[in-house]
Structure formats: structure tokens, C-alpha cells
């Protein structure tokens, strides 16, 4: 696994990396900066999304134990 990262780093340095290997980026809903986060928001605006995901997961685990 580590060797794959080294090979990928060498490919980047040589300039032989495929465009399809890059992460897909979208524009943030609020400030229009490019981002690759799951929520589609940049770092500044994504905090609320991940907090809500955490509480939804905790609630689901609580309901499963009832």
C-alpha cells in the first residue's frame, strides 16, 4: 500500500498522472470556492454539516438500542 503512494507521487512529479485520478471538485454553496468535501461546502461552512451528521448517527444508535 505504501508503495502505491510512492508510485503515485513519482507519477505526479514526472507529470504522467491521469486527469481522471484527481478528486472531483464542486463549488461551495455559500462562497463559491472549489471544494471536494462530502457536504459540498468549504471548510468555513462545513462545520454545521458534520455536527448534524454526528448527532444523527448518535440518535440512530440510541434508537437501535431501544
Protein backbone atom coordinates (compact mmCIF):
# COMPACT_ATOMS: atom_id res chain seq x y z
CA UNK A 1 0.00 0.00 0.00
CA UNK A 2 2.80 2.42 0.86
CA UNK A 3 4.48 1.68 -2.45
CA UNK A 4 1.32 2.76 -4.29
CA UNK A 5 1.57 6.19 -2.66
CA UNK A 6 5.22 6.47 -3.62
CA UNK A 7 4.46 5.47 -7.21
CA UNK A 8 1.64 8.00 -7.37
CA UNK A 9 3.94 10.72 -6.01
CA UNK A 10 6.57 9.88 -8.61
CA UNK A 11 3.93 10.00 -11.36
CA UNK A 12 2.89 13.46 -10.19
CA UNK A 13 6.49 14.66 -10.24
CA UNK A 14 7.02 13.26 -13.74
CA UNK A 15 3.76 14.80 -14.94
CA UNK A 16 2.30 11.48 -16.09
CA UNK A 17 -0.73 11.36 -13.78
CA UNK A 18 -4.11 10.95 -15.47
CA UNK A 19 -6.69 13.70 -15.07
CA UNK A 20 -9.24 11.03 -14.04
CA UNK A 21 -7.16 10.22 -10.94
CA UNK A 22 -7.76 13.67 -9.45
CA UNK A 23 -10.51 14.36 -6.92
CA UNK A 24 -13.64 15.93 -8.32
CA UNK A 25 -14.26 19.44 -7.01
CA UNK A 26 -17.51 21.39 -6.79
CA UNK A 27 -18.13 25.00 -5.83
CA UNK A 28 -19.13 25.80 -2.25
CA UNK A 29 -22.83 26.63 -1.94
CA UNK A 30 -22.12 29.72 0.15
CA UNK A 31 -18.87 31.33 -1.05
CA UNK A 32 -18.33 29.59 -4.44
CA UNK A 33 -14.79 28.34 -3.60
CA UNK A 34 -13.81 24.96 -5.07
CA UNK A 35 -14.09 22.08 -2.58
CA UNK A 36 -14.05 18.28 -2.58
CA UNK A 37 -15.86 17.79 0.73
CA UNK A 38 -18.84 15.45 1.05
CA UNK A 39 -21.24 18.24 2.00
CA UNK A 40 -20.29 20.50 -0.90
CA UNK A 41 -19.22 23.34 1.39
CA UNK A 42 -15.76 24.73 2.02
CA UNK A 43 -14.02 24.34 5.38
CA UNK A 44 -15.50 27.56 6.73
CA UNK A 45 -19.13 26.49 6.15
CA UNK A 46 -18.93 22.70 6.58
CA UNK A 47 -18.83 22.60 10.39
CA UNK A 48 -22.61 22.56 10.82
CA UNK A 49 -22.99 19.71 8.32
CA UNK A 50 -20.59 17.40 10.14
CA UNK A 51 -22.07 18.23 13.55
CA UNK A 52 -25.54 17.32 12.26
CA UNK A 53 -24.15 14.07 10.80
CA UNK A 54 -22.64 13.20 14.19
CA UNK A 55 -25.88 13.85 16.09
CA UNK A 56 -27.93 11.92 13.53
CA UNK A 57 -25.58 8.95 13.93
CA UNK A 58 -25.82 9.14 17.75
CA UNK A 59 -29.62 9.33 17.58
CA UNK A 60 -29.75 6.32 15.25
CA UNK A 61 -27.56 4.28 17.61
CA UNK A 62 -29.79 5.29 20.56
CA UNK A 63 -32.98 4.32 18.72
CA UNK A 64 -31.47 0.96 17.70
CA UNK A 65 -30.83 0.10 21.36
CA UNK A 66 -34.44 0.79 22.41
